[in-house]
Amino acid sequence: GSITLDTIAVAVPTDDNVITFYSEGYDKQYIID
């Protein structure tokens, strides 16, 4: 069963073909081309 613990996101699409995100608790910017 799926449970009430979860991973959540606030997101918007971009037109640069790059995924950029921050993850709470990690002092790092993730960039994936």
PDB file of all heavy atoms in Angstrom:
ATOM      1  N   GLY A   1       0.813  -1.204   0.000  1.00  0.00           N
ATOM      2  CA  GLY A   1       0.000   0.000   0.000  1.00  0.00           C
ATOM      3  C   GLY A   1       0.843   1.248   0.000  1.00  0.00           C
ATOM      4  O   GLY A   1       1.929   1.289   0.596  1.00  0.00           O
ATOM      5  N   SER A   2       0.367   2.269  -0.688  1.00  0.00           N
ATOM      6  CA  SER A   2       0.992   3.588  -0.578  1.00  0.00           C
ATOM      7  C   SER A   2       0.634   4.160   0.788  1.00  0.00           C
ATOM      8  O   SER A   2      -0.441   3.876   1.329  1.00  0.00           O
ATOM      9  CB  SER A   2       0.509   4.517  -1.689  1.00  0.00           C
ATOM     10  OG  SER A   2      -0.903   4.589  -1.692  1.00  0.00           O
ATOM     11  N   ILE A   3       1.533   4.941   1.375  1.00  0.00           N
ATOM     12  CA  ILE A   3       1.332   5.417   2.739  1.00  0.00           C
ATOM     13  C   ILE A   3       1.382   6.939   2.801  1.00  0.00           C
ATOM     14  O   ILE A   3       1.699   7.614   1.822  1.00  0.00           O
ATOM     15  CB  ILE A   3       2.377   4.820   3.704  1.00  0.00           C
ATOM     16  CG1 ILE A   3       3.809   5.161   3.256  1.00  0.00           C
ATOM     17  CG2 ILE A   3       2.188   3.320   3.818  1.00  0.00           C
ATOM     18  CD1 ILE A   3       4.888   4.688   4.216  1.00  0.00           C
ATOM     19  N   THR A   4       1.066   7.457   3.978  1.00  0.00           N
ATOM     20  CA  THR A   4       0.934   8.900   4.149  1.00  0.00           C
ATOM     21  C   THR A   4       2.262   9.632   4.295  1.00  0.00           C
ATOM     22  O   THR A   4       2.272  10.866   4.327  1.00  0.00           O
ATOM     23  CB  THR A   4       0.041   9.193   5.372  1.00  0.00           C
ATOM     24  OG1 THR A   4       0.417   8.346   6.460  1.00  0.00           O
ATOM     25  CG2 THR A   4      -1.418   8.932   5.036  1.00  0.00           C
ATOM     26  N   LEU A   5       3.376   8.933   4.376  1.00  0.00           N
ATOM     27  CA  LEU A   5       4.677   9.582   4.225  1.00  0.00           C
ATOM     28  C   LEU A   5       4.896   9.810   2.733  1.00  0.00           C
ATOM     29  O   LEU A   5       4.627   8.924   1.917  1.00  0.00           O
ATOM     30  CB  LEU A   5       5.790   8.695   4.776  1.00  0.00           C
ATOM     31  CG  LEU A   5       5.729   8.304   6.252  1.00  0.00           C
ATOM     32  CD1 LEU A   5       6.870   7.351   6.593  1.00  0.00           C
ATOM     33  CD2 LEU A   5       5.781   9.532   7.127  1.00  0.00           C
ATOM     34  N   ASP A   6       5.402  10.980   2.357  1.00  0.00           N
ATOM     35  CA  ASP A   6       5.551  11.229   0.924  1.00  0.00           C
ATOM     36  C   ASP A   6       6.676  12.208   0.608  1.00  0.00           C
ATOM     37  O   ASP A   6       7.238  12.868   1.483  1.00  0.00           O
ATOM     38  CB  ASP A   6       4.238  11.726   0.315  1.00  0.00           C
ATOM     39  CG  ASP A   6       3.780  13.088   0.848  1.00  0.00           C
ATOM     40  OD1 ASP A   6       4.327  13.545   1.871  1.00  0.00           O
ATOM     41  OD2 ASP A   6       2.855  13.683   0.255  1.00  0.00           O
ATOM     42  N   THR A   7       7.005  12.252  -0.675  1.00  0.00           N
ATOM     43  CA  THR A   7       7.946  13.222  -1.232  1.00  0.00           C
ATOM     44  C   THR A   7       7.135  14.211  -2.052  1.00  0.00           C
ATOM     45  O   THR A   7       6.317  13.804  -2.878  1.00  0.00           O
ATOM     46  CB  THR A   7       8.987  12.533  -2.128  1.00  0.00           C
ATOM     47  OG1 THR A   7       9.580  11.447  -1.406  1.00  0.00           O
ATOM     48  CG2 THR A   7      10.071  13.509  -2.553  1.00  0.00           C
ATOM     49  N   ILE A   8       7.334  15.500  -1.796  1.00  0.00           N
ATOM     50  CA  ILE A   8       6.518  16.512  -2.455  1.00  0.00           C
ATOM     51  C   ILE A   8       7.404  17.487  -3.222  1.00  0.00           C
ATOM     52  O   ILE A   8       8.602  17.605  -2.961  1.00  0.00           O
ATOM     53  CB  ILE A   8       5.625  17.277  -1.459  1.00  0.00           C
ATOM     54  CG1 ILE A   8       6.487  18.071  -0.458  1.00  0.00           C
ATOM     55  CG2 ILE A   8       4.697  16.314  -0.728  1.00  0.00           C
ATOM     56  CD1 ILE A   8       5.670  18.966   0.491  1.00  0.00           C
ATOM     57  N   ALA A   9       6.785  18.181  -4.179  1.00  0.00           N
ATOM     58  CA  ALA A   9       7.538  19.147  -4.993  1.00  0.00           C
ATOM     59  C   ALA A   9       6.665  20.322  -5.383  1.00  0.00           C
ATOM     60  O   ALA A   9       5.458  20.184  -5.577  1.00  0.00           O
ATOM     61  CB  ALA A   9       8.099  18.476  -6.238  1.00  0.00           C
ATOM     62  N   VAL A  10       7.291  21.468  -5.496  1.00  0.00           N
ATOM     63  CA  VAL A  10       6.733  22.643  -6.166  1.00  0.00           C
ATOM     64  C   VAL A  10       7.564  22.815  -7.425  1.00  0.00           C
ATOM     65  O   VAL A  10       8.796  22.889  -7.358  1.00  0.00           O
ATOM     66  CB  VAL A  10       6.837  23.904  -5.280  1.00  0.00           C
ATOM     67  CG1 VAL A  10       6.342  25.124  -6.027  1.00  0.00           C
ATOM     68  CG2 VAL A  10       6.078  23.710  -3.979  1.00  0.00           C
ATOM     69  N   ALA A  11       6.923  22.833  -8.596  1.00  0.00           N
ATOM     70  CA  ALA A  11       7.694  22.801  -9.835  1.00  0.00           C
ATOM     71  C   ALA A  11       7.028  23.609 -10.947  1.00  0.00           C
ATOM     72  O   ALA A  11       5.808  23.804 -10.951  1.00  0.00           O
ATOM     73  CB  ALA A  11       7.863  21.345 -10.291  1.00  0.00           C
ATOM     74  N   VAL A  12       7.865  24.049 -11.889  1.00  0.00           N
ATOM     75  CA  VAL A  12       7.382  24.680 -13.128  1.00  0.00           C
ATOM     76  C   VAL A  12       8.218  24.134 -14.279  1.00  0.00           C
ATOM     77  O   VAL A  12       9.411  23.847 -14.123  1.00  0.00           O
ATOM     78  CB  VAL A  12       7.513  26.223 -13.099  1.00  0.00           C
ATOM     79  CG1 VAL A  12       6.594  26.828 -12.058  1.00  0.00           C
ATOM     80  CG2 VAL A  12       8.965  26.648 -12.871  1.00  0.00           C
ATOM     81  N   PRO A  13       7.606  23.984 -15.479  1.00  0.00           N
ATOM     82  CA  PRO A  13       8.381  23.533 -16.633  1.00  0.00           C
ATOM     83  C   PRO A  13       9.260  24.655 -17.176  1.00  0.00           C
ATOM     84  O   PRO A  13       8.978  25.840 -16.963  1.00  0.00           O
ATOM     85  CB  PRO A  13       7.295  23.153 -17.650  1.00  0.00           C
ATOM     86  CG  PRO A  13       6.122  24.007 -17.278  1.00  0.00           C
ATOM     87  CD  PRO A  13       6.180  24.171 -15.786  1.00  0.00           C
ATOM     88  N   THR A  14      10.323  24.288 -17.862  1.00  0.00           N
ATOM     89  CA  THR A  14      11.213  25.259 -18.507  1.00  0.00           C
ATOM     90  C   THR A  14      11.425  24.838 -19.954  1.00  0.00           C
ATOM     91  O   THR A  14      11.080  23.723 -20.347  1.00  0.00           O
ATOM     92  CB  THR A  14      12.579  25.333 -17.790  1.00  0.00           C
ATOM     93  OG1 THR A  14      13.227  24.042 -17.888  1.00  0.00           O
ATOM     94  CG2 THR A  14      12.413  25.694 -16.323  1.00  0.00           C
ATOM     95  N   ASP A  15      12.005  25.731 -20.742  1.00  0.00           N
ATOM     96  CA  ASP A  15      12.243  25.412 -22.151  1.00  0.00           C
ATOM     97  C   ASP A  15      13.716  25.205 -22.460  1.00  0.00           C
ATOM     98  O   ASP A  15      14.136  25.249 -23.621  1.00  0.00           O
ATOM     99  CB  ASP A  15      11.669  26.504 -23.052  1.00  0.00           C
ATOM    100  CG  ASP A  15      12.237  27.887 -22.730  1.00  0.00           C
ATOM    101  OD1 ASP A  15      13.187  27.973 -21.933  1.00  0.00           O
ATOM    102  OD2 ASP A  15      11.724  28.874 -23.297  1.00  0.00           O
ATOM    103  N   ASP A  16      14.536  24.959 -21.416  1.00  0.00           N
ATOM    104  CA  ASP A  16      15.979  24.840 -21.636  1.00  0.00           C
ATOM    105  C   ASP A  16      16.492  23.399 -21.591  1.00  0.00           C
ATOM    106  O   ASP A  16      17.694  23.157 -21.655  1.00  0.00           O
ATOM    107  CB  ASP A  16      16.741  25.683 -20.619  1.00  0.00           C
ATOM    108  CG  ASP A  16      16.434  25.287 -19.183  1.00  0.00           C
ATOM    109  OD1 ASP A  16      15.690  24.303 -18.971  1.00  0.00           O
ATOM    110  OD2 ASP A  16      16.933  25.976 -18.263  1.00  0.00           O
ATOM    111  N   ASN A  17      15.588  22.403 -21.442  1.00  0.00           N
ATOM    112  CA  ASN A  17      15.981  20.988 -21.418  1.00  0.00           C
ATOM    113  C   ASN A  17      16.943  20.667 -20.278  1.00  0.00           C
ATOM    114  O   ASN A  17      17.757  19.754 -20.379  1.00  0.00           O
ATOM    115  CB  ASN A  17      16.609  20.579 -22.762  1.00  0.00           C
ATOM    116  CG  ASN A  17      16.272  19.141 -23.131  1.00  0.00           C
ATOM    117  OD1 ASN A  17      15.186  18.655 -22.843  1.00  0.00           O
ATOM    118  ND2 ASN A  17      17.196  18.458 -23.780  1.00  0.00           N
ATOM    119  N   VAL A  18      16.814  21.430 -19.196  1.00  0.00           N
ATOM    120  CA  VAL A  18      17.650  21.211 -18.015  1.00  0.00           C
ATOM    121  C   VAL A  18      16.742  21.102 -16.797  1.00  0.00           C
ATOM    122  O   VAL A  18      15.818  21.897 -16.626  1.00  0.00           O
ATOM    123  CB  VAL A  18      18.660  22.366 -17.817  1.00  0.00           C
ATOM    124  CG1 VAL A  18      19.402  22.211 -16.493  1.00  0.00           C
ATOM    125  CG2 VAL A  18      19.637  22.416 -18.985  1.00  0.00           C
ATOM    126  N   ILE A  19      17.007  20.101 -15.965  1.00  0.00           N
ATOM    127  CA  ILE A  19      16.293  19.959 -14.705  1.00  0.00           C
ATOM    128  C   ILE A  19      17.152  20.567 -13.607  1.00  0.00           C
ATOM    129  O   ILE A  19      18.310  20.180 -13.418  1.00  0.00           O
ATOM    130  CB  ILE A  19      15.998  18.480 -14.389  1.00  0.00           C
ATOM    131  CG1 ILE A  19      15.006  17.912 -15.405  1.00  0.00           C
ATOM    132  CG2 ILE A  19      15.458  18.325 -12.966  1.00  0.00           C
ATOM    133  CD1 ILE A  19      14.763  16.422 -15.274  1.00  0.00           C
ATOM    134  N   THR A  20      16.589  21.537 -12.898  1.00  0.00           N
ATOM    135  CA  THR A  20      17.290  22.211 -11.804  1.00  0.00           C
ATOM    136  C   THR A  20      16.409  22.146 -10.567  1.00  0.00           C
ATOM    137  O   THR A  20      15.241  22.523 -10.624  1.00  0.00           O
ATOM    138  CB  THR A  20      17.568  23.686 -12.141  1.00  0.00           C
ATOM    139  OG1 THR A  20      18.260  23.765 -13.395  1.00  0.00           O
ATOM    140  CG2 THR A  20      18.412  24.340 -11.049  1.00  0.00           C
ATOM    141  N   PHE A  21      16.954  21.638  -9.465  1.00  0.00           N
ATOM    142  CA  PHE A  21      16.131  21.592  -8.264  1.00  0.00           C
ATOM    143  C   PHE A  21      16.973  21.637  -6.996  1.00  0.00           C
ATOM    144  O   PHE A  21      18.185  21.384  -7.003  1.00  0.00           O
ATOM    145  CB  PHE A  21      15.239  20.341  -8.268  1.00  0.00           C
ATOM    146  CG  PHE A  21      15.958  19.050  -7.976  1.00  0.00           C
ATOM    147  CD1 PHE A  21      16.020  18.530  -6.684  1.00  0.00           C
ATOM    148  CD2 PHE A  21      16.552  18.336  -8.994  1.00  0.00           C
ATOM    149  CE1 PHE A  21      16.673  17.335  -6.419  1.00  0.00           C
ATOM    150  CE2 PHE A  21      17.201  17.137  -8.739  1.00  0.00           C
ATOM    151  CZ  PHE A  21      17.262  16.638  -7.445  1.00  0.00           C
ATOM    152  N   TYR A  22      16.294  21.972  -5.922  1.00  0.00           N
ATOM    153  CA  TYR A  22      16.865  21.945  -4.579  1.00  0.00           C
ATOM    154  C   TYR A  22      16.067  20.936  -3.753  1.00  0.00           C
ATOM    155  O   TYR A  22      14.852  20.792  -3.919  1.00  0.00           O
ATOM    156  CB  TYR A  22      16.785  23.311  -3.907  1.00  0.00           C
ATOM    157  CG  TYR A  22      17.642  24.370  -4.560  1.00  0.00           C
ATOM    158  CD1 TYR A  22      17.171  25.097  -5.652  1.00  0.00           C
ATOM    159  CD2 TYR A  22      18.919  24.657  -4.079  1.00  0.00           C
ATOM    160  CE1 TYR A  22      17.943  26.076  -6.252  1.00  0.00           C
ATOM    161  CE2 TYR A  22      19.698  25.641  -4.671  1.00  0.00           C
ATOM    162  CZ  TYR A  22      19.212  26.341  -5.758  1.00  0.00           C
ATOM    163  OH  TYR A  22      19.980  27.309  -6.353  1.00  0.00           O
ATOM    164  N   SER A  23      16.755  20.243  -2.862  1.00  0.00           N
ATOM    165  CA  SER A  23      16.106  19.272  -1.989  1.00  0.00           C
ATOM    166  C   SER A  23      16.299  19.706  -0.543  1.00  0.00           C
ATOM    167  O   SER A  23      17.437  19.968  -0.106  1.00  0.00           O
ATOM    168  CB  SER A  23      16.706  17.878  -2.199  1.00  0.00           C
ATOM    169  OG  SER A  23      16.052  16.919  -1.397  1.00  0.00           O
ATOM    170  N   GLU A  24      15.195  19.828   0.179  1.00  0.00           N
ATOM    171  CA  GLU A  24      15.246  20.300   1.561  1.00  0.00           C
ATOM    172  C   GLU A  24      16.206  19.450   2.393  1.00  0.00           C
ATOM    173  O   GLU A  24      16.173  18.220   2.347  1.00  0.00           O
ATOM    174  CB  GLU A  24      13.847  20.254   2.178  1.00  0.00           C
ATOM    175  CG  GLU A  24      13.795  20.846   3.578  1.00  0.00           C
ATOM    176  CD  GLU A  24      12.393  20.842   4.153  1.00  0.00           C
ATOM    177  OE1 GLU A  24      11.610  19.926   3.812  1.00  0.00           O
ATOM    178  OE2 GLU A  24      12.081  21.743   4.940  1.00  0.00           O
ATOM    179  N   GLY A  25      17.065  20.122   3.127  1.00  0.00           N
ATOM    180  CA  GLY A  25      18.032  19.428   3.962  1.00  0.00           C
ATOM    181  C   GLY A  25      19.387  19.238   3.314  1.00  0.00           C
ATOM    182  O   GLY A  25      20.328  18.767   3.954  1.00  0.00           O
ATOM    183  N   TYR A  26      19.482  19.561   2.027  1.00  0.00           N
ATOM    184  CA  TYR A  26      20.743  19.421   1.304  1.00  0.00           C
ATOM    185  C   TYR A  26      21.163  20.785   0.760  1.00  0.00           C
ATOM    186  O   TYR A  26      20.411  21.423   0.018  1.00  0.00           O
ATOM    187  CB  TYR A  26      20.611  18.424   0.149  1.00  0.00           C
ATOM    188  CG  TYR A  26      20.318  17.022   0.607  1.00  0.00           C
ATOM    189  CD1 TYR A  26      18.995  16.610   0.812  1.00  0.00           C
ATOM    190  CD2 TYR A  26      21.340  16.112   0.855  1.00  0.00           C
ATOM    191  CE1 TYR A  26      18.711  15.329   1.246  1.00  0.00           C
ATOM    192  CE2 TYR A  26      21.067  14.828   1.294  1.00  0.00           C
ATOM    193  CZ  TYR A  26      19.752  14.439   1.485  1.00  0.00           C
ATOM    194  OH  TYR A  26      19.470  13.164   1.923  1.00  0.00           O
ATOM    195  N   ASP A  27      22.355  21.220   1.106  1.00  0.00           N
ATOM    196  CA  ASP A  27      22.859  22.521   0.694  1.00  0.00           C
ATOM    197  C   ASP A  27      23.510  22.390  -0.682  1.00  0.00           C
ATOM    198  O   ASP A  27      24.738  22.478  -0.823  1.00  0.00           O
ATOM    199  CB  ASP A  27      23.863  23.046   1.725  1.00  0.00           C
ATOM    200  CG  ASP A  27      24.308  24.473   1.426  1.00  0.00           C
ATOM    201  OD1 ASP A  27      23.574  25.159   0.692  1.00  0.00           O
ATOM    202  OD2 ASP A  27      25.376  24.877   1.926  1.00  0.00           O
ATOM    203  N   LYS A  28      22.653  22.139  -1.687  1.00  0.00           N
ATOM    204  CA  LYS A  28      23.194  21.852  -3.010  1.00  0.00           C
ATOM    205  C   LYS A  28      22.142  22.137  -4.072  1.00  0.00           C
ATOM    206  O   LYS A  28      20.958  21.886  -3.867  1.00  0.00           O
ATOM    207  CB  LYS A  28      23.611  20.375  -3.088  1.00  0.00           C
ATOM    208  CG  LYS A  28      24.116  19.910  -4.437  1.00  0.00           C
ATOM    209  CD  LYS A  28      24.502  18.443  -4.403  1.00  0.00           C
ATOM    210  CE  LYS A  28      24.994  17.965  -5.771  1.00  0.00           C
ATOM    211  NZ  LYS A  28      25.389  16.536  -5.740  1.00  0.00           N
ATOM    212  N   GLN A  29      22.591  22.653  -5.200  1.00  0.00           N
ATOM    213  CA  GLN A  29      21.719  22.806  -6.357  1.00  0.00           C
ATOM    214  C   GLN A  29      22.005  21.650  -7.309  1.00  0.00           C
ATOM    215  O   GLN A  29      23.137  21.418  -7.715  1.00  0.00           O
ATOM    216  CB  GLN A  29      21.974  24.135  -7.076  1.00  0.00           C
ATOM    217  CG  GLN A  29      21.058  24.370  -8.265  1.00  0.00           C
ATOM    218  CD  GLN A  29      21.440  25.616  -9.057  1.00  0.00           C
ATOM    219  OE1 GLN A  29      22.569  25.727  -9.527  1.00  0.00           O
ATOM    220  NE2 GLN A  29      20.505  26.545  -9.185  1.00  0.00           N
ATOM    221  N   TYR A  30      20.968  20.900  -7.641  1.00  0.00           N
ATOM    222  CA  TYR A  30      21.116  19.787  -8.585  1.00  0.00           C
ATOM    223  C   TYR A  30      20.794  20.289  -9.987  1.00  0.00           C
ATOM    224  O   TYR A  30      19.760  20.923 -10.216  1.00  0.00           O
ATOM    225  CB  TYR A  30      20.161  18.645  -8.229  1.00  0.00           C
ATOM    226  CG  TYR A  30      20.535  17.908  -6.970  1.00  0.00           C
ATOM    227  CD1 TYR A  30      20.063  18.333  -5.732  1.00  0.00           C
ATOM    228  CD2 TYR A  30      21.354  16.783  -7.009  1.00  0.00           C
ATOM    229  CE1 TYR A  30      20.397  17.653  -4.570  1.00  0.00           C
ATOM    230  CE2 TYR A  30      21.690  16.096  -5.861  1.00  0.00           C
ATOM    231  CZ  TYR A  30      21.207  16.533  -4.642  1.00  0.00           C
ATOM    232  OH  TYR A  30      21.541  15.863  -3.495  1.00  0.00           O
ATOM    233  N   ILE A  31      21.676  19.984 -10.937  1.00  0.00           N
ATOM    234  CA  ILE A  31      21.476  20.384 -12.330  1.00  0.00           C
ATOM    235  C   ILE A  31      21.726  19.171 -13.213  1.00  0.00           C
ATOM    236  O   ILE A  31      22.808  18.573 -13.179  1.00  0.00           O
ATOM    237  CB  ILE A  31      22.409  21.529 -12.739  1.00  0.00           C
ATOM    238  CG1 ILE A  31      22.191  22.761 -11.845  1.00  0.00           C
ATOM    239  CG2 ILE A  31      22.206  21.896 -14.199  1.00  0.00           C
ATOM    240  CD1 ILE A  31      23.152  23.903 -12.117  1.00  0.00           C
ATOM    241  N   ILE A  32      20.722  18.789 -14.002  1.00  0.00           N
ATOM    242  CA  ILE A  32      20.853  17.653 -14.907  1.00  0.00           C
ATOM    243  C   ILE A  32      20.523  18.121 -16.316  1.00  0.00           C
ATOM    244  O   ILE A  32      19.380  18.499 -16.608  1.00  0.00           O
ATOM    245  CB  ILE A  32      19.913  16.490 -14.513  1.00  0.00           C
ATOM    246  CG1 ILE A  32      20.226  16.013 -13.092  1.00  0.00           C
ATOM    247  CG2 ILE A  32      20.027  15.333 -15.489  1.00  0.00           C
ATOM    248  CD1 ILE A  32      19.404  16.669 -12.022  1.00  0.00           C
ATOM    249  N   ASP A  33      21.514  18.092 -17.181  1.00  0.00           N
ATOM    250  CA  ASP A  33      21.333  18.471 -18.582  1.00  0.00           C
ATOM    251  C   ASP A  33      20.797  17.253 -19.337  1.00  0.00           C
ATOM    252  O   ASP A  33      21.474  16.220 -19.434  1.00  0.00           O
ATOM    253  CB  ASP A  33      22.661  18.926 -19.181  1.00  0.00           C
ATOM    254  CG  ASP A  33      22.515  19.488 -20.595  1.00  0.00           C
ATOM    255  OD1 ASP A  33      21.462  19.252 -21.217  1.00  0.00           O
ATOM    256  OD2 ASP A  33      23.448  20.148 -21.068  1.00  0.00           O
TER     257      ASP A  33
END
